[in-house]
Amino acid sequence: KTLGMEGLQAMQIGEWKNHSLWLVAEQESDEREYVSLRGLLSLPEDEFHVLSRGVEINHFLKTHKFCGKCGHKTQQTQEELAVQCTHCGYRTYPVICPSIIVAVRRGHEILLANHKRHYHPNGGMYTTLAGFVEVGETFEQAVRREVFEETGILIKNIRYFGSQPWAFPNSQMVGFLADYERGEITLQESEIHDAQWFSYDQPLPELPPTGTIAHKLIHTTLELCRAEDNQKEI
């Protein structure tokens, strides 16, 4: 669709405060300053999700210009968010890769890891454990596998917490809470630089930004740690 007087090619992707939102195709002469989506994680949740949707749709359209079945060009469909092959008619929808993310609690402690991508000499960010769901795997199986692979810890009492679209580039983060069962921390050295148990009443390392499901999981788990500790004092 042509947008306004400038002849921009765009598609409507939603609404924000009663105004239509448009995803605009790249322009050859564009002097505006852009920022990374990661740099906007502290925005209000509904605002971030709108931006995330645009980024994810843009990624889908850029990576599906040709049919995955016969190799011919695709074009956007009018009636739904999809692309269709101009030759064989094969229709492709946005690819969403499910990932799990889990906060593990042991009494008044939470398990946090410093992933290699977050490490720097002064420490870096510590966060919950996460990973992609494999083919034929349930979310709960993925939670158990990821925790064990990355830390050697066995867990129990897995509970669903919530989810968050994660356009880096096309994931859906599905969050869980879990309790420690047994085991000692054994690092998956290819992925994890460090992992430790942190007590809720002691200084914590750098944590994920507000607005992320990781931050919410950590906050909720710390409250559970505090509640259990207070219960012991009664």
C-alpha atoms as a PDB file:
ATOM      1  CA  LYS A   1       0.000   0.000   0.000  1.00  0.00           C
ATOM      2  CA  THR A   2       1.136   3.578  -0.717  1.00  0.00           C
ATOM      3  CA  LEU A   3       1.361   5.690   2.415  1.00  0.00           C
ATOM      4  CA  GLY A   4       0.588   9.412   2.309  1.00  0.00           C
ATOM      5  CA  MET A   5       2.024  11.787  -0.265  1.00  0.00           C
ATOM      6  CA  GLU A   6       5.548  10.401  -0.279  1.00  0.00           C
ATOM      7  CA  GLY A   7       4.829   7.155  -2.096  1.00  0.00           C
ATOM      8  CA  LEU A   8       6.161   4.971   0.695  1.00  0.00           C
ATOM      9  CA  GLN A   9       5.389   1.266   0.528  1.00  0.00           C
ATOM     10  CA  ALA A  10       3.956   0.132   3.849  1.00  0.00           C
ATOM     11  CA  MET A  11       1.640  -2.334   5.549  1.00  0.00           C
ATOM     12  CA  GLN A  12      -0.594  -1.749   8.549  1.00  0.00           C
ATOM     13  CA  ILE A  13       0.490  -3.886  11.502  1.00  0.00           C
ATOM     14  CA  GLY A  14      -1.770  -2.664  14.292  1.00  0.00           C
ATOM     15  CA  GLU A  15      -2.975   0.330  16.245  1.00  0.00           C
ATOM     16  CA  TRP A  16      -1.560   2.471  19.049  1.00  0.00           C
ATOM     17  CA  LYS A  17      -3.730   4.922  20.985  1.00  0.00           C
ATOM     18  CA  ASN A  18      -6.350   4.942  18.210  1.00  0.00           C
ATOM     19  CA  HIS A  19      -3.763   5.581  15.503  1.00  0.00           C
ATOM     20  CA  SER A  20      -2.833   3.099  12.788  1.00  0.00           C
ATOM     21  CA  LEU A  21       0.712   1.754  12.865  1.00  0.00           C
ATOM     22  CA  TRP A  22       2.553   1.109   9.614  1.00  0.00           C
ATOM     23  CA  LEU A  23       5.620  -0.936   8.781  1.00  0.00           C
ATOM     24  CA  VAL A  24       7.440   1.077   6.115  1.00  0.00           C
ATOM     25  CA  ALA A  25       9.776  -0.457   3.552  1.00  0.00           C
ATOM     26  CA  GLU A  26      13.409   0.616   3.557  1.00  0.00           C
ATOM     27  CA  GLN A  27      14.151   3.959   1.948  1.00  0.00           C
ATOM     28  CA  GLU A  28      17.321   4.772   0.041  1.00  0.00           C
ATOM     29  CA  SER A  29      17.568   8.274   1.522  1.00  0.00           C
ATOM     30  CA  ASP A  30      16.707   8.029   5.194  1.00  0.00           C
ATOM     31  CA  GLU A  31      18.538  10.351   7.576  1.00  0.00           C
ATOM     32  CA  ARG A  32      16.567   9.488  10.691  1.00  0.00           C
ATOM     33  CA  GLU A  33      18.388   8.076  13.691  1.00  0.00           C
ATOM     34  CA  TYR A  34      17.468   4.511  14.647  1.00  0.00           C
ATOM     35  CA  VAL A  35      17.992   2.640  17.903  1.00  0.00           C
ATOM     36  CA  SER A  36      18.265  -1.037  18.748  1.00  0.00           C
ATOM     37  CA  LEU A  37      15.135  -2.797  19.962  1.00  0.00           C
ATOM     38  CA  ARG A  38      17.182  -4.118  22.898  1.00  0.00           C
ATOM     39  CA  GLY A  39      17.805  -0.526  23.908  1.00  0.00           C
ATOM     40  CA  LEU A  40      14.043  -0.072  24.355  1.00  0.00           C
ATOM     41  CA  LEU A  41      13.431  -2.954  26.765  1.00  0.00           C
ATOM     42  CA  SER A  42      12.650  -0.531  29.573  1.00  0.00           C
ATOM     43  CA  LEU A  43       9.629   0.893  27.724  1.00  0.00           C
ATOM     44  CA  PRO A  44       6.119   0.103  29.013  1.00  0.00           C
ATOM     45  CA  GLU A  45       5.222  -3.472  28.121  1.00  0.00           C
ATOM     46  CA  ASP A  46       2.412  -2.705  25.656  1.00  0.00           C
ATOM     47  CA  GLU A  47       4.548  -0.128  23.845  1.00  0.00           C
ATOM     48  CA  PHE A  48       7.511  -2.497  23.584  1.00  0.00           C
ATOM     49  CA  HIS A  49       5.283  -5.269  22.241  1.00  0.00           C
ATOM     50  CA  VAL A  50       4.041  -3.013  19.447  1.00  0.00           C
ATOM     51  CA  LEU A  51       7.606  -2.242  18.380  1.00  0.00           C
ATOM     52  CA  SER A  52       8.574  -5.890  18.765  1.00  0.00           C
ATOM     53  CA  ARG A  53       5.743  -6.929  16.455  1.00  0.00           C
ATOM     54  CA  GLY A  54       6.978  -4.570  13.765  1.00  0.00           C
ATOM     55  CA  VAL A  55      10.552  -5.833  14.016  1.00  0.00           C
ATOM     56  CA  GLU A  56       9.432  -9.456  13.859  1.00  0.00           C
ATOM     57  CA  ILE A  57       7.155  -8.928  10.849  1.00  0.00           C
ATOM     58  CA  ASN A  58       9.938  -7.052   9.078  1.00  0.00           C
ATOM     59  CA  HIS A  59      12.322  -9.964   9.706  1.00  0.00           C
ATOM     60  CA  PHE A  60       9.767 -12.416   8.314  1.00  0.00           C
ATOM     61  CA  LEU A  61       9.203 -10.432   5.115  1.00  0.00           C
ATOM     62  CA  LYS A  62      12.930  -9.938   4.533  1.00  0.00           C
ATOM     63  CA  THR A  63      13.760 -13.625   4.969  1.00  0.00           C
ATOM     64  CA  HIS A  64      10.858 -15.042   2.938  1.00  0.00           C
ATOM     65  CA  LYS A  65      11.124 -13.256  -0.390  1.00  0.00           C
ATOM     66  CA  PHE A  66      11.432 -16.608  -2.136  1.00  0.00           C
ATOM     67  CA  CYS A  67       9.435 -19.814  -1.821  1.00  0.00           C
ATOM     68  CA  GLY A  68      10.984 -22.449   0.404  1.00  0.00           C
ATOM     69  CA  LYS A  69       9.340 -25.170  -1.708  1.00  0.00           C
ATOM     70  CA  CYS A  70      10.186 -24.242  -5.314  1.00  0.00           C
ATOM     71  CA  GLY A  71      12.416 -21.166  -5.057  1.00  0.00           C
ATOM     72  CA  HIS A  72      10.239 -18.699  -6.974  1.00  0.00           C
ATOM     73  CA  LYS A  73       9.368 -15.224  -5.692  1.00  0.00           C
ATOM     74  CA  THR A  74       6.672 -14.717  -3.091  1.00  0.00           C
ATOM     75  CA  GLN A  75       4.235 -11.886  -2.555  1.00  0.00           C
ATOM     76  CA  GLN A  76       2.319 -10.719   0.497  1.00  0.00           C
ATOM     77  CA  THR A  77      -1.253 -11.910   0.814  1.00  0.00           C
ATOM     78  CA  GLN A  78      -4.009  -9.376   1.352  1.00  0.00           C
ATOM     79  CA  GLU A  79      -6.297 -11.336   3.650  1.00  0.00           C
ATOM     80  CA  GLU A  80      -3.787 -12.465   6.298  1.00  0.00           C
ATOM     81  CA  LEU A  81      -0.198 -12.074   7.449  1.00  0.00           C
ATOM     82  CA  ALA A  82       1.551 -14.485   5.107  1.00  0.00           C
ATOM     83  CA  VAL A  83       3.461 -14.668   1.841  1.00  0.00           C
ATOM     84  CA  GLN A  84       2.439 -16.837  -1.102  1.00  0.00           C
ATOM     85  CA  CYS A  85       4.541 -18.222  -3.937  1.00  0.00           C
ATOM     86  CA  THR A  86       3.743 -16.653  -7.300  1.00  0.00           C
ATOM     87  CA  HIS A  87       4.502 -19.978  -9.005  1.00  0.00           C
ATOM     88  CA  CYS A  88       3.249 -22.918  -6.928  1.00  0.00           C
ATOM     89  CA  GLY A  89       0.937 -21.080  -4.529  1.00  0.00           C
ATOM     90  CA  TYR A  90       2.673 -22.392  -1.396  1.00  0.00           C
ATOM     91  CA  ARG A  91       1.821 -20.133   1.536  1.00  0.00           C
ATOM     92  CA  THR A  92       4.214 -19.368   4.392  1.00  0.00           C
ATOM     93  CA  TYR A  93       3.360 -17.799   7.735  1.00  0.00           C
ATOM     94  CA  PRO A  94       5.628 -15.982  10.203  1.00  0.00           C
ATOM     95  CA  VAL A  95       7.980 -18.420  11.881  1.00  0.00           C
ATOM     96  CA  ILE A  96       7.821 -18.308  15.687  1.00  0.00           C
ATOM     97  CA  CYS A  97      10.479 -20.240  17.598  1.00  0.00           C
ATOM     98  CA  PRO A  98       9.338 -21.193  21.121  1.00  0.00           C
ATOM     99  CA  SER A  99      11.877 -20.816  23.909  1.00  0.00           C
ATOM    100  CA  ILE A 100      11.618 -21.553  27.609  1.00  0.00           C
ATOM    101  CA  ILE A 101      12.962 -19.397  30.403  1.00  0.00           C
ATOM    102  CA  VAL A 102      12.952 -20.534  34.020  1.00  0.00           C
ATOM    103  CA  ALA A 103      13.771 -19.239  37.489  1.00  0.00           C
ATOM    104  CA  VAL A 104      14.916 -21.967  39.895  1.00  0.00           C
ATOM    105  CA  ARG A 105      14.514 -21.515  43.671  1.00  0.00           C
ATOM    106  CA  ARG A 106      16.229 -23.370  46.519  1.00  0.00           C
ATOM    107  CA  GLY A 107      14.740 -22.247  49.815  1.00  0.00           C
ATOM    108  CA  HIS A 108      15.708 -18.582  50.154  1.00  0.00           C
ATOM    109  CA  GLU A 109      18.083 -18.690  47.159  1.00  0.00           C
ATOM    110  CA  ILE A 110      17.700 -18.215  43.412  1.00  0.00           C
ATOM    111  CA  LEU A 111      19.880 -19.783  40.721  1.00  0.00           C
ATOM    112  CA  LEU A 112      21.335 -17.161  38.362  1.00  0.00           C
ATOM    113  CA  ALA A 113      23.809 -17.602  35.526  1.00  0.00           C
ATOM    114  CA  ASN A 114      26.289 -15.352  33.771  1.00  0.00           C
ATOM    115  CA  HIS A 115      26.071 -16.443  30.140  1.00  0.00           C
ATOM    116  CA  LYS A 116      29.189 -16.063  28.040  1.00  0.00           C
ATOM    117  CA  ARG A 117      27.471 -13.468  25.839  1.00  0.00           C
ATOM    118  CA  HIS A 118      26.845 -11.329  28.962  1.00  0.00           C
ATOM    119  CA  TYR A 119      30.282 -11.701  30.535  1.00  0.00           C
ATOM    120  CA  HIS A 120      32.739  -8.864  30.933  1.00  0.00           C
ATOM    121  CA  PRO A 121      35.755  -8.501  33.263  1.00  0.00           C
ATOM    122  CA  ASN A 122      33.718  -6.598  35.856  1.00  0.00           C
ATOM    123  CA  GLY A 123      31.165  -9.395  36.080  1.00  0.00           C
ATOM    124  CA  GLY A 124      28.354  -8.768  33.630  1.00  0.00           C
ATOM    125  CA  MET A 125      24.676  -9.556  33.846  1.00  0.00           C
ATOM    126  CA  TYR A 126      23.324 -12.606  35.673  1.00  0.00           C
ATOM    127  CA  THR A 127      19.959 -13.952  34.613  1.00  0.00           C
ATOM    128  CA  THR A 128      17.683 -16.975  34.542  1.00  0.00           C
ATOM    129  CA  LEU A 129      18.255 -20.034  32.373  1.00  0.00           C
ATOM    130  CA  ALA A 130      16.690 -20.247  28.927  1.00  0.00           C
ATOM    131  CA  GLY A 131      16.824 -22.128  25.646  1.00  0.00           C
ATOM    132  CA  PHE A 132      14.930 -23.197  22.555  1.00  0.00           C
ATOM    133  CA  VAL A 133      12.361 -25.984  22.629  1.00  0.00           C
ATOM    134  CA  GLU A 134      13.483 -28.933  20.516  1.00  0.00           C
ATOM    135  CA  VAL A 135      11.360 -30.854  18.009  1.00  0.00           C
ATOM    136  CA  GLY A 136       8.939 -33.251  19.730  1.00  0.00           C
ATOM    137  CA  GLU A 137       9.611 -31.777  23.163  1.00  0.00           C
ATOM    138  CA  THR A 138       7.092 -30.379  25.660  1.00  0.00           C
ATOM    139  CA  PHE A 139       7.786 -27.073  27.377  1.00  0.00           C
ATOM    140  CA  GLU A 140       8.271 -28.894  30.681  1.00  0.00           C
ATOM    141  CA  GLN A 141      10.771 -31.307  29.153  1.00  0.00           C
ATOM    142  CA  ALA A 142      12.667 -28.372  27.666  1.00  0.00           C
ATOM    143  CA  VAL A 143      12.790 -26.673  31.077  1.00  0.00           C
ATOM    144  CA  ARG A 144      14.274 -29.759  32.741  1.00  0.00           C
ATOM    145  CA  ARG A 145      16.744 -30.343  29.911  1.00  0.00           C
ATOM    146  CA  GLU A 146      18.022 -26.770  29.706  1.00  0.00           C
ATOM    147  CA  VAL A 147      18.552 -26.447  33.456  1.00  0.00           C
ATOM    148  CA  PHE A 148      20.392 -29.770  33.619  1.00  0.00           C
ATOM    149  CA  GLU A 149      22.480 -29.124  30.490  1.00  0.00           C
ATOM    150  CA  GLU A 150      23.599 -25.673  31.596  1.00  0.00           C
ATOM    151  CA  THR A 151      24.070 -26.247  35.342  1.00  0.00           C
ATOM    152  CA  GLY A 152      23.767 -29.967  36.168  1.00  0.00           C
ATOM    153  CA  ILE A 153      20.834 -29.213  38.508  1.00  0.00           C
ATOM    154  CA  LEU A 154      17.687 -31.356  38.665  1.00  0.00           C
ATOM    155  CA  ILE A 155      14.418 -29.508  39.309  1.00  0.00           C
ATOM    156  CA  LYS A 156      10.827 -30.206  40.350  1.00  0.00           C
ATOM    157  CA  ASN A 157       7.473 -28.441  40.765  1.00  0.00           C
ATOM    158  CA  ILE A 158       7.563 -26.718  37.360  1.00  0.00           C
ATOM    159  CA  ARG A 159       4.823 -24.056  37.045  1.00  0.00           C
ATOM    160  CA  TYR A 160       3.825 -21.855  34.144  1.00  0.00           C
ATOM    161  CA  PHE A 161       4.526 -18.163  34.790  1.00  0.00           C
ATOM    162  CA  GLY A 162       3.823 -16.156  31.636  1.00  0.00           C
ATOM    163  CA  SER A 163       5.143 -15.380  28.177  1.00  0.00           C
ATOM    164  CA  GLN A 164       6.699 -12.598  26.148  1.00  0.00           C
ATOM    165  CA  PRO A 165       7.169 -12.075  22.405  1.00  0.00           C
ATOM    166  CA  TRP A 166      10.907 -11.853  21.829  1.00  0.00           C
ATOM    167  CA  ALA A 167      11.802 -10.436  18.412  1.00  0.00           C
ATOM    168  CA  PHE A 168      15.503 -11.392  18.478  1.00  0.00           C
ATOM    169  CA  PRO A 169      14.656 -12.259  15.847  1.00  0.00           C
ATOM    170  CA  ASN A 170      11.495 -14.380  16.145  1.00  0.00           C
ATOM    171  CA  SER A 171      11.098 -16.145  19.485  1.00  0.00           C
ATOM    172  CA  GLN A 172       8.270 -16.542  21.959  1.00  0.00           C
ATOM    173  CA  MET A 173       9.630 -16.737  25.498  1.00  0.00           C
ATOM    174  CA  VAL A 174       7.530 -19.028  27.701  1.00  0.00           C
ATOM    175  CA  GLY A 175       8.358 -18.530  31.366  1.00  0.00           C
ATOM    176  CA  PHE A 176       8.310 -21.018  34.240  1.00  0.00           C
ATOM    177  CA  LEU A 177       9.067 -21.188  37.947  1.00  0.00           C
ATOM    178  CA  ALA A 178      10.705 -24.315  39.370  1.00  0.00           C
ATOM    179  CA  ASP A 179      12.153 -25.646  42.613  1.00  0.00           C
ATOM    180  CA  TYR A 180      15.531 -27.250  43.223  1.00  0.00           C
ATOM    181  CA  GLU A 181      15.486 -31.036  43.632  1.00  0.00           C
ATOM    182  CA  ARG A 182      19.111 -32.157  43.799  1.00  0.00           C
ATOM    183  CA  GLY A 183      22.558 -31.817  42.278  1.00  0.00           C
ATOM    184  CA  GLU A 184      25.613 -29.571  42.373  1.00  0.00           C
ATOM    185  CA  ILE A 185      26.309 -26.809  39.884  1.00  0.00           C
ATOM    186  CA  THR A 186      28.285 -28.148  36.925  1.00  0.00           C
ATOM    187  CA  LEU A 187      28.681 -25.565  34.183  1.00  0.00           C
ATOM    188  CA  GLN A 188      28.097 -26.110  30.489  1.00  0.00           C
ATOM    189  CA  GLU A 189      31.305 -24.280  29.640  1.00  0.00           C
ATOM    190  CA  SER A 190      30.382 -23.626  26.012  1.00  0.00           C
ATOM    191  CA  GLU A 191      27.378 -21.545  27.146  1.00  0.00           C
ATOM    192  CA  ILE A 192      27.794 -20.482  30.783  1.00  0.00           C
ATOM    193  CA  HIS A 193      30.650 -18.488  32.314  1.00  0.00           C
ATOM    194  CA  ASP A 194      29.371 -18.745  35.888  1.00  0.00           C
ATOM    195  CA  ALA A 195      26.291 -19.840  37.843  1.00  0.00           C
ATOM    196  CA  GLN A 196      25.605 -19.352  41.540  1.00  0.00           C
ATOM    197  CA  TRP A 197      22.911 -19.505  44.189  1.00  0.00           C
ATOM    198  CA  PHE A 198      22.069 -15.996  45.409  1.00  0.00           C
ATOM    199  CA  SER A 199      20.210 -15.285  48.637  1.00  0.00           C
ATOM    200  CA  TYR A 200      17.362 -12.786  48.413  1.00  0.00           C
ATOM    201  CA  ASP A 201      18.731 -10.763  51.366  1.00  0.00           C
ATOM    202  CA  GLN A 202      22.266 -10.387  50.003  1.00  0.00           C
ATOM    203  CA  PRO A 203      23.604  -8.021  47.307  1.00  0.00           C
ATOM    204  CA  LEU A 204      22.659  -9.227  43.837  1.00  0.00           C
ATOM    205  CA  PRO A 205      24.673  -8.961  40.613  1.00  0.00           C
ATOM    206  CA  GLU A 206      23.592  -6.958  37.584  1.00  0.00           C
ATOM    207  CA  LEU A 207      20.152  -8.229  36.514  1.00  0.00           C
ATOM    208  CA  PRO A 208      18.159  -8.110  33.247  1.00  0.00           C
ATOM    209  CA  PRO A 209      16.397  -4.823  32.455  1.00  0.00           C
ATOM    210  CA  THR A 210      12.880  -4.124  33.642  1.00  0.00           C
ATOM    211  CA  GLY A 211      10.281  -5.058  31.074  1.00  0.00           C
ATOM    212  CA  THR A 212      11.837  -8.433  30.334  1.00  0.00           C
ATOM    213  CA  ILE A 213      10.222 -11.669  31.432  1.00  0.00           C
ATOM    214  CA  ALA A 214      13.586 -12.619  32.974  1.00  0.00           C
ATOM    215  CA  HIS A 215      13.374  -9.609  35.299  1.00  0.00           C
ATOM    216  CA  LYS A 216       9.800 -10.514  36.264  1.00  0.00           C
ATOM    217  CA  LEU A 217      10.763 -14.128  36.967  1.00  0.00           C
ATOM    218  CA  ILE A 218      13.640 -13.031  39.183  1.00  0.00           C
ATOM    219  CA  HIS A 219      11.503 -10.513  41.076  1.00  0.00           C
ATOM    220  CA  THR A 220       8.754 -13.092  41.682  1.00  0.00           C
ATOM    221  CA  THR A 221      11.235 -15.742  42.821  1.00  0.00           C
ATOM    222  CA  LEU A 222      12.947 -13.344  45.232  1.00  0.00           C
ATOM    223  CA  GLU A 223       9.549 -12.603  46.767  1.00  0.00           C
ATOM    224  CA  LEU A 224       8.950 -16.355  47.165  1.00  0.00           C
ATOM    225  CA  CYS A 225      12.367 -16.657  48.824  1.00  0.00           C
ATOM    226  CA  ARG A 226      11.514 -13.840  51.217  1.00  0.00           C
ATOM    227  CA  ALA A 227       8.115 -15.343  52.032  1.00  0.00           C
ATOM    228  CA  GLU A 228       9.612 -18.743  52.850  1.00  0.00           C
ATOM    229  CA  ASP A 229      12.294 -17.186  55.041  1.00  0.00           C
ATOM    230  CA  ASN A 230       9.692 -15.140  56.921  1.00  0.00           C
ATOM    231  CA  GLN A 231       7.557 -18.248  57.409  1.00  0.00           C
ATOM    232  CA  LYS A 232      10.480 -20.017  59.095  1.00  0.00           C
ATOM    233  CA  GLU A 233      10.777 -17.173  61.598  1.00  0.00           C
ATOM    234  CA  ILE A 234       7.148 -17.486  62.732  1.00  0.00           C
END
